[in-house]
Amino acid sequence: MNGNTKLNMTKPVRIGLFFSDTGGGHRSATEALQAGILKVLAERFAHYDVDVQIDSIVENSHPINRSFVQIYNYLLRHQQSAMKYYYWFIETIKPNDSKFGWMITRPYVVKTLHDMKADLVVSVHPMSNQYIARGLRESGLRSQTKLVTVVTDPNGDFWSGWACHDADLTIVPNDLAQQRLIELGVEPSKIVIMGMPVHPSFISPPSCSPEEFRQSLGLDKDLPTICINSGWAGGGNMIAIYRALKAVKRKVQVVFLCGHNVKLYESLKKEVKQSPIPTAVLPFHDSMADVMAACDLMVTKAGGLTSFEGVARRLPMAIDMITTPMPQEYGTARMLVEQGLATAIEKADDIVGVVEKMTCRRDLEAKPLPLKHQLDQVNAIFNISESLIGIAVGEIETANFKSRLQPSRSSSSS
């Protein structure tokens, strides 16, 4: 594909989605893109034969890169206060932009791209952008493969690795991310605001009613329900916040998600036996859309995807800020609090007042979302997916992409 002609209808179209499992947000975004692409294909591009492939390219490329991912997840799970030092280290040495980093990564990246021969490659991680761009050049595929970056940090404080000057297009969730990329030297003409790629399930009816879901966990079908979400890694100050709930006077119940942290899961199962609060303890749950639909408040860290999934579900949030969030999440937390979509929890006892004042979920669902920072763009996954397919099949030129969009999608709302 040369970008100037439409594909032969008999030629399969290949789209590659690349990410890394640092936390769970990048995988969630990648799976959202895959689901969105498949849904849009079925509805609007059924005449094309499209193959979507996924690869966690960073950890698959070399054991050293895998160790960076493992260190990140260890700190996220056990030493969240040290994450700022990891952030500083990566921003200082920039392994994804170094000669040594490319030397150890090149064999896997070039082979993967050559074997895939994709018409479009989508990077959903700041550590993979530069590797993919260089791999396309050195494999001789740059003239036939488009590169699009989809940013999943909705603020102005994210990793500089998101700025990929060689990408044909960078899709960002809002005006804050756009401004950050411009400051990092990306051409404004190569940046388009389209919203956050939230999985279609979060804007669809749940698979069962909230009452049925609560009952399936052994909880009361009618009691106000709090979701304590320790994230993919199972970290943060969630145990302290859970214990503080004992001071709440109204009757509530809890769904505690432990993520991929077995020790936390085993510890909580013992602790809830001594708690007066009815509590369902779960490991990582693969149907978060149903969990969020069944809860009245979510306690969480300010991960970009998780928080925007909560926004899409119209779920009030209490954000764990007892430990200062990572730089790329602090801006997200600040934005959500300023727009009235979340409350900051700066000490564990803060949760008591939030729960005591908790209002009816149905009343909140009827209220419009803020327009500022594109927080109302909860259906963005379909626009993003349609655009990616259009680029892959040659119906959309990346050079003229912004002119095709509605003004409300390509400029800041206020």
Protein backbone atom coordinates (compact mmCIF):
# COMPACT_ATOMS: atom_id res chain seq x y z
CA MET A 1 0.00 0.00 0.00
CA ASN A 2 1.49 3.35 -1.02
CA GLY A 3 -1.11 5.62 0.59
CA ASN A 4 -2.19 7.05 -2.77
CA THR A 5 -4.39 4.25 -4.11
CA LYS A 6 -7.10 2.06 -2.68
CA LEU A 7 -6.22 -1.54 -1.94
CA ASN A 8 -7.03 -4.36 -4.28
CA MET A 9 -10.30 -5.78 -2.95
CA THR A 10 -8.87 -9.32 -3.14
CA LYS A 11 -5.82 -8.48 -1.03
CA PRO A 12 -6.23 -9.08 2.72
CA VAL A 13 -5.76 -5.91 4.75
CA ARG A 14 -3.49 -6.29 7.76
CA ILE A 15 -3.55 -4.09 10.86
CA GLY A 16 -0.98 -4.58 13.62
CA LEU A 17 -1.66 -3.33 17.16
CA PHE A 18 1.42 -3.06 19.37
CA PHE A 19 1.53 -2.43 23.13
CA SER A 20 3.24 -3.39 26.39
CA ASP A 21 1.85 -4.70 29.68
CA THR A 22 3.11 -1.88 31.91
CA GLY A 23 0.04 -1.83 34.10
CA GLY A 24 -3.16 -2.82 32.35
CA GLY A 25 -4.22 0.33 30.52
CA HIS A 26 -2.28 -0.22 27.30
CA ARG A 27 -3.63 -3.75 26.91
CA SER A 28 -7.14 -2.43 27.64
CA ALA A 29 -6.75 0.23 24.95
CA THR A 30 -5.41 -2.32 22.48
CA GLU A 31 -8.29 -4.70 23.14
CA ALA A 32 -10.70 -1.78 22.83
CA LEU A 33 -9.23 -0.93 19.42
CA GLN A 34 -9.46 -4.54 18.32
CA ALA A 35 -13.11 -4.76 19.42
CA GLY A 36 -13.94 -1.40 17.85
CA ILE A 37 -12.26 -2.29 14.57
CA LEU A 38 -14.07 -5.63 14.34
CA LYS A 39 -17.42 -4.01 15.12
CA VAL A 40 -16.96 -1.22 12.56
CA LEU A 41 -15.70 -3.73 9.98
CA ALA A 42 -18.86 -5.80 10.37
CA GLU A 43 -21.10 -2.75 10.07
CA ARG A 44 -19.39 -0.60 7.43
CA PHE A 45 -16.44 -2.40 5.82
CA ALA A 46 -17.77 -5.95 5.46
CA HIS A 47 -16.57 -6.07 1.84
CA TYR A 48 -12.94 -5.97 3.03
CA ASP A 49 -10.95 -8.96 4.28
CA VAL A 50 -9.14 -7.53 7.31
CA ASP A 51 -6.74 -9.32 9.64
CA VAL A 52 -6.00 -7.67 13.02
CA GLN A 53 -2.90 -8.89 14.87
CA ILE A 54 -1.74 -7.95 18.39
CA ASP A 55 1.77 -8.06 19.88
CA SER A 56 3.16 -6.97 23.26
CA ILE A 57 6.25 -5.90 21.39
CA VAL A 58 8.32 -4.36 24.19
CA GLU A 59 8.64 -7.40 26.44
CA ASN A 60 8.72 -9.81 23.50
CA SER A 61 11.63 -8.00 21.85
CA HIS A 62 14.39 -8.76 24.38
CA PRO A 63 14.88 -9.93 28.01
CA ILE A 64 16.32 -6.53 28.98
CA ASN A 65 13.23 -4.73 27.72
CA ARG A 66 11.11 -7.32 29.52
CA SER A 67 12.96 -6.51 32.73
CA PHE A 68 11.99 -2.83 32.41
CA VAL A 69 8.35 -3.92 32.19
CA GLN A 70 8.72 -6.24 35.19
CA ILE A 71 10.39 -3.53 37.30
CA TYR A 72 7.59 -1.11 36.41
CA ASN A 73 4.91 -3.58 37.49
CA TYR A 74 6.78 -4.53 40.66
CA LEU A 75 7.01 -0.88 41.72
CA LEU A 76 3.38 -0.31 40.80
CA ARG A 77 2.37 -3.26 42.95
CA HIS A 78 4.72 -2.88 45.93
CA GLN A 79 6.53 0.49 45.92
CA GLN A 80 4.28 3.06 44.29
CA SER A 81 6.16 5.91 45.99
CA ALA A 82 9.25 4.94 43.95
CA MET A 83 7.49 5.24 40.59
CA LYS A 84 8.63 8.84 40.20
CA TYR A 85 12.22 7.65 40.22
CA TYR A 86 11.48 5.06 37.53
CA TYR A 87 9.80 7.78 35.48
CA TRP A 88 12.86 10.02 35.88
CA PHE A 89 15.21 7.16 34.96
CA ILE A 90 13.36 6.28 31.76
CA GLU A 91 12.99 9.92 30.76
CA THR A 92 16.73 10.43 31.33
CA ILE A 93 18.20 7.40 29.54
CA LYS A 94 15.39 7.05 26.94
CA PRO A 95 16.06 3.36 26.21
CA ASN A 96 13.58 3.39 23.33
CA ASP A 97 15.67 6.07 21.61
CA SER A 98 19.16 4.73 22.35
CA LYS A 99 21.66 2.93 20.10
CA PHE A 100 21.98 0.04 22.55
CA GLY A 101 18.22 -0.21 22.95
CA TRP A 102 17.77 -0.47 19.21
CA MET A 103 20.63 -2.97 18.85
CA ILE A 104 18.99 -5.47 21.20
CA THR A 105 15.47 -4.79 19.95
CA ARG A 106 16.07 -4.68 16.21
CA PRO A 107 16.05 -8.43 15.40
CA TYR A 108 12.60 -9.05 16.87
CA VAL A 109 11.01 -5.81 15.67
CA VAL A 110 12.26 -6.07 12.09
CA LYS A 111 11.32 -9.75 11.80
CA THR A 112 7.87 -9.14 13.28
CA LEU A 113 7.14 -6.25 10.93
CA HIS A 114 8.51 -8.15 7.93
CA ASP A 115 6.42 -11.23 8.72
CA MET A 116 3.30 -9.17 9.34
CA LYS A 117 3.61 -6.90 6.29
CA ALA A 118 0.85 -4.75 7.72
CA ASP A 119 -0.90 -2.00 5.82
CA LEU A 120 -1.23 -0.13 9.11
CA VAL A 121 0.71 -0.42 12.35
CA VAL A 122 -0.79 1.17 15.47
CA SER A 123 1.41 1.83 18.51
CA VAL A 124 -0.41 2.06 21.84
CA HIS A 125 2.65 2.49 24.08
CA PRO A 126 5.30 5.23 24.45
CA MET A 127 8.13 2.68 24.61
CA SER A 128 7.29 1.09 21.26
CA ASN A 129 6.82 4.09 18.95
CA GLN A 130 10.43 4.78 18.01
CA TYR A 131 11.30 1.09 17.72
CA ILE A 132 8.44 0.51 15.29
CA ALA A 133 9.22 3.61 13.21
CA ARG A 134 12.86 2.61 12.86
CA GLY A 135 11.92 -1.00 12.19
CA LEU A 136 9.66 0.04 9.32
CA ARG A 137 12.49 2.05 7.76
CA GLU A 138 15.11 -0.66 8.10
CA SER A 139 12.83 -3.45 6.90
CA GLY A 140 12.01 -1.51 3.74
CA LEU A 141 8.33 -1.38 4.61
CA ARG A 142 7.94 2.33 5.28
CA SER A 143 6.55 3.10 1.84
CA GLN A 144 3.75 0.56 2.16
CA THR A 145 2.95 0.64 5.90
CA LYS A 146 1.35 3.56 7.71
CA LEU A 147 2.24 4.20 11.36
CA VAL A 148 -0.33 5.68 13.75
CA THR A 149 0.21 6.30 17.46
CA VAL A 150 -2.79 6.23 19.82
CA VAL A 151 -2.00 8.10 23.05
CA THR A 152 -3.71 6.83 26.20
CA ASP A 153 -2.57 9.47 28.70
CA PRO A 154 -5.19 12.27 28.75
CA ASN A 155 -3.05 15.06 30.22
CA GLY A 156 -0.03 17.28 29.66
CA ASP A 157 2.42 15.41 31.89
CA PHE A 158 3.01 12.17 30.01
CA TRP A 159 6.14 10.34 28.85
CA SER A 160 8.12 12.07 26.10
CA GLY A 161 8.20 8.69 24.30
CA TRP A 162 4.66 9.37 23.08
CA ALA A 163 6.14 11.97 20.72
CA CYS A 164 6.98 9.98 17.59
CA HIS A 165 7.99 12.39 14.84
CA ASP A 166 8.02 9.60 12.24
CA ALA A 167 4.40 8.58 12.84
CA ASP A 168 2.05 9.47 10.01
CA LEU A 169 -0.58 10.43 12.57
CA THR A 170 -0.94 10.63 16.35
CA ILE A 171 -4.42 10.29 17.83
CA VAL A 172 -4.78 11.94 21.24
CA PRO A 173 -7.63 11.91 23.79
CA ASN A 174 -7.86 15.65 24.36
CA ASP A 175 -6.42 19.14 23.99
CA LEU A 176 -4.03 18.68 26.93
CA ALA A 177 -2.32 15.75 25.21
CA GLN A 178 -2.23 17.64 21.93
CA GLN A 179 -0.46 20.60 23.54
CA ARG A 180 2.08 18.32 25.22
CA LEU A 181 3.00 16.73 21.87
CA ILE A 182 3.35 20.12 20.23
CA GLU A 183 5.70 21.16 23.04
CA LEU A 184 7.69 17.98 22.35
CA GLY A 185 8.10 19.01 18.71
CA VAL A 186 5.44 16.97 16.91
CA GLU A 187 3.95 18.77 13.91
CA PRO A 188 0.42 20.00 14.78
CA SER A 189 -0.78 18.77 11.38
CA LYS A 190 0.08 15.21 12.47
CA ILE A 191 -1.97 15.35 15.68
CA VAL A 192 -5.71 14.82 15.88
CA ILE A 193 -7.99 14.90 18.95
CA MET A 194 -10.48 12.04 18.92
CA GLY A 195 -11.05 11.03 22.55
CA MET A 196 -10.00 8.01 24.61
CA PRO A 197 -10.27 4.49 23.12
CA VAL A 198 -12.64 3.03 25.71
CA HIS A 199 -13.92 -0.49 25.00
CA PRO A 200 -17.41 -0.61 23.44
CA SER A 201 -18.67 -2.66 26.40
CA PHE A 202 -18.48 0.44 28.63
CA ILE A 203 -20.97 2.31 26.46
CA SER A 204 -23.26 -0.70 26.03
CA PRO A 205 -25.81 -2.13 28.46
CA PRO A 206 -24.25 -4.55 30.97
CA SER A 207 -24.62 -8.29 30.40
CA CYS A 208 -26.81 -8.51 33.51
CA SER A 209 -28.61 -6.07 35.78
CA PRO A 210 -26.70 -4.45 38.68
CA GLU A 211 -28.93 -6.34 41.10
CA GLU A 212 -28.16 -9.67 39.45
CA PHE A 213 -24.44 -8.95 39.43
CA ARG A 214 -24.37 -8.06 43.14
CA GLN A 215 -26.35 -11.17 44.02
CA SER A 216 -23.96 -13.33 41.97
CA LEU A 217 -21.20 -12.16 44.34
CA GLY A 218 -23.24 -12.98 47.42
CA LEU A 219 -24.01 -9.33 48.14
CA ASP A 220 -27.28 -7.55 48.83
CA LYS A 221 -28.97 -6.58 45.58
CA ASP A 222 -30.02 -3.13 46.84
CA LEU A 223 -27.29 -1.83 49.18
CA PRO A 224 -25.03 1.03 47.96
CA THR A 225 -21.95 -0.67 46.54
CA ILE A 226 -18.38 0.59 46.50
CA CYS A 227 -15.81 -0.83 44.10
CA ILE A 228 -12.25 -0.67 45.46
CA ASN A 229 -10.15 -1.17 42.36
CA SER A 230 -6.46 -1.85 43.01
CA GLY A 231 -5.77 -1.94 39.29
CA TRP A 232 -4.16 -4.49 36.99
CA ALA A 233 -1.08 -4.77 39.21
CA GLY A 234 -2.96 -4.74 42.52
CA GLY A 235 -1.24 -1.82 44.22
CA GLY A 236 -1.88 1.49 45.92
CA ASN A 237 -3.31 2.30 49.33
CA MET A 238 -6.51 0.34 48.93
CA ILE A 239 -6.29 -1.72 52.14
CA ALA A 240 -5.97 1.45 54.23
CA ILE A 241 -8.95 2.98 52.43
CA TYR A 242 -10.97 -0.21 52.93
CA ARG A 243 -10.24 -0.21 56.65
CA ALA A 244 -11.30 3.43 56.90
CA LEU A 245 -14.77 2.47 55.65
CA LYS A 246 -15.51 1.01 59.10
CA ALA A 247 -16.21 4.57 60.24
CA VAL A 248 -19.01 5.02 57.69
CA LYS A 249 -22.40 5.15 59.42
CA ARG A 250 -24.63 4.26 56.48
CA LYS A 251 -24.96 0.67 55.33
CA VAL A 252 -22.73 -0.10 52.37
CA GLN A 253 -21.05 -3.10 50.77
CA VAL A 254 -17.78 -3.49 48.86
CA VAL A 255 -16.44 -5.22 45.78
CA PHE A 256 -12.64 -5.34 46.24
CA LEU A 257 -10.64 -6.05 43.07
CA CYS A 258 -7.09 -7.29 43.74
CA GLY A 259 -5.79 -7.37 40.17
CA HIS A 260 -2.82 -9.64 39.48
CA ASN A 261 -1.62 -9.54 43.09
CA VAL A 262 -2.06 -12.96 44.67
CA LYS A 263 -0.71 -11.85 48.06
CA LEU A 264 -3.22 -9.01 48.23
CA TYR A 265 -6.03 -11.38 47.27
CA GLU A 266 -5.12 -13.92 49.96
CA SER A 267 -4.64 -11.19 52.58
CA LEU A 268 -8.00 -9.57 51.82
CA LYS A 269 -9.88 -12.86 51.99
CA LYS A 270 -8.68 -13.20 55.59
CA GLU A 271 -9.30 -9.54 56.48
CA VAL A 272 -12.91 -9.39 55.30
CA LYS A 273 -13.82 -12.15 57.76
CA GLN A 274 -13.16 -9.62 60.55
CA SER A 275 -14.87 -6.69 58.80
CA PRO A 276 -18.44 -5.55 59.54
CA ILE A 277 -18.81 -4.52 55.90
CA PRO A 278 -20.15 -7.14 53.46
CA THR A 279 -17.31 -7.58 50.98
CA ALA A 280 -16.74 -9.62 47.83
CA VAL A 281 -13.02 -10.11 47.16
CA LEU A 282 -12.11 -10.77 43.55
CA PRO A 283 -8.85 -11.22 41.66
CA PHE A 284 -8.46 -9.58 38.26
CA HIS A 285 -11.90 -9.36 36.66
CA ASP A 286 -12.30 -9.56 32.89
CA SER A 287 -15.71 -7.86 32.80
CA MET A 288 -15.05 -4.46 34.32
CA ALA A 289 -17.95 -2.97 32.39
CA ASP A 290 -20.33 -5.14 34.43
CA VAL A 291 -18.49 -4.39 37.68
CA MET A 292 -18.74 -0.64 37.12
CA ALA A 293 -22.40 -0.86 36.14
CA ALA A 294 -23.16 -2.60 39.45
CA CYS A 295 -21.36 -0.10 41.71
CA ASP A 296 -22.17 3.39 42.99
CA LEU A 297 -18.61 4.60 43.60
CA MET A 298 -15.19 3.43 42.43
CA VAL A 299 -12.04 3.95 44.46
CA THR A 300 -9.14 3.82 42.02
CA LYS A 301 -5.83 5.27 40.99
CA ALA A 302 -5.89 7.71 38.07
CA GLY A 303 -4.98 5.32 35.27
CA GLY A 304 -6.01 6.88 31.97
CA LEU A 305 -8.07 3.95 30.69
CA THR A 306 -9.66 2.93 33.99
CA SER A 307 -10.72 6.47 34.84
CA PHE A 308 -12.17 7.09 31.38
CA GLU A 309 -13.99 3.76 31.52
CA GLY A 310 -15.52 5.09 34.73
CA VAL A 311 -16.47 8.32 32.97
CA ALA A 312 -18.10 6.34 30.16
CA ARG A 313 -20.09 4.37 32.75
CA ARG A 314 -21.04 7.62 34.55
CA LEU A 315 -19.49 6.14 37.70
CA PRO A 316 -18.39 8.60 40.42
CA MET A 317 -14.76 8.09 41.43
CA ALA A 318 -12.60 8.58 44.50
CA ILE A 319 -8.96 8.73 43.41
CA ASP A 320 -6.19 7.37 45.61
CA MET A 321 -3.73 10.25 46.01
CA ILE A 322 -2.37 9.22 49.41
CA THR A 323 0.84 8.42 47.59
CA THR A 324 1.53 11.10 44.98
CA PRO A 325 0.47 9.58 41.64
CA MET A 326 2.94 9.00 38.83
CA PRO A 327 3.49 12.15 36.74
CA GLN A 328 1.46 10.80 33.82
CA GLU A 329 -1.46 10.06 36.18
CA TYR A 330 -1.31 13.13 38.40
CA GLY A 331 -2.56 15.35 35.59
CA THR A 332 -5.43 12.96 34.93
CA ALA A 333 -6.44 13.00 38.59
CA ARG A 334 -6.31 16.79 38.71
CA MET A 335 -8.45 17.10 35.57
CA LEU A 336 -11.14 14.69 36.81
CA VAL A 337 -11.35 16.40 40.21
CA GLU A 338 -11.55 19.86 38.62
CA GLN A 339 -14.38 18.72 36.35
CA GLY A 340 -16.38 17.24 39.23
CA LEU A 341 -16.05 13.63 38.10
CA ALA A 342 -13.88 12.49 41.00
CA THR A 343 -12.84 13.30 44.55
CA ALA A 344 -9.23 13.20 45.72
CA ILE A 345 -8.43 10.85 48.61
CA GLU A 346 -5.31 12.35 50.23
CA LYS A 347 -5.60 10.37 53.46
CA ALA A 348 -7.51 7.16 54.05
CA ASP A 349 -10.15 8.77 56.27
CA ASP A 350 -11.20 11.07 53.40
CA ILE A 351 -13.23 8.19 52.01
CA VAL A 352 -15.68 8.40 54.93
CA GLY A 353 -17.08 11.79 53.93
CA VAL A 354 -17.24 10.79 50.27
CA VAL A 355 -19.32 7.70 51.04
CA GLU A 356 -21.60 9.49 53.51
CA LYS A 357 -22.44 12.08 50.82
CA MET A 358 -22.79 9.55 48.01
CA THR A 359 -25.93 10.29 45.96
CA CYS A 360 -28.19 8.18 43.79
CA ARG A 361 -26.35 6.78 40.79
CA ARG A 362 -29.39 7.17 38.52
CA ASP A 363 -29.49 10.94 39.11
CA LEU A 364 -25.86 11.23 37.98
CA GLU A 365 -26.42 9.11 34.87
CA ALA A 366 -28.91 11.66 33.57
CA LYS A 367 -26.47 14.58 33.84
CA PRO A 368 -24.44 15.55 30.74
CA LEU A 369 -20.69 15.03 30.90
CA PRO A 370 -18.34 18.04 30.84
CA LEU A 371 -17.37 19.25 27.38
CA LYS A 372 -13.98 20.46 28.53
CA HIS A 373 -10.97 18.32 27.58
CA GLN A 374 -13.27 16.18 25.42
CA LEU A 375 -14.58 14.31 28.47
CA ASP A 376 -17.92 13.85 26.72
CA GLN A 377 -16.41 11.86 23.83
CA VAL A 378 -17.28 8.47 25.32
CA ASN A 379 -18.04 6.99 21.88
CA ALA A 380 -14.57 7.82 20.60
CA ILE A 381 -13.64 4.18 19.99
CA PHE A 382 -15.92 4.00 16.95
CA ASN A 383 -14.55 7.18 15.36
CA ILE A 384 -10.99 6.03 16.03
CA SER A 385 -11.64 2.53 14.69
CA GLU A 386 -13.36 3.78 11.55
CA SER A 387 -10.45 6.14 10.91
CA LEU A 388 -7.84 3.41 11.39
CA ILE A 389 -9.68 1.11 8.97
CA GLY A 390 -9.98 3.94 6.47
CA ILE A 391 -6.24 4.56 6.65
CA ALA A 392 -5.44 0.85 6.35
CA VAL A 393 -7.60 0.27 3.27
CA GLY A 394 -6.46 3.48 1.59
CA GLU A 395 -9.73 5.38 1.77
CA ILE A 396 -8.25 8.05 4.07
CA GLU A 397 -5.01 9.93 3.46
CA THR A 398 -3.20 10.73 6.72
CA ALA A 399 -1.88 13.96 5.19
CA ASN A 400 -5.45 15.28 4.81
CA PHE A 401 -6.93 13.52 7.80
CA LYS A 402 -7.72 16.52 10.01
CA SER A 403 -9.71 18.24 7.29
CA ARG A 404 -12.10 15.27 7.19
CA LEU A 405 -13.07 15.56 10.85
CA GLN A 406 -15.89 17.50 12.43
CA PRO A 407 -14.56 20.64 14.22
CA SER A 408 -15.75 19.30 17.59
CA ARG A 409 -13.58 16.24 17.19
CA SER A 410 -10.40 18.02 16.15
CA SER A 411 -10.37 21.03 18.43
CA SER A 412 -10.74 21.67 22.13
CA SER A 413 -14.19 21.99 23.62
CA SER A 414 -14.71 24.32 26.53
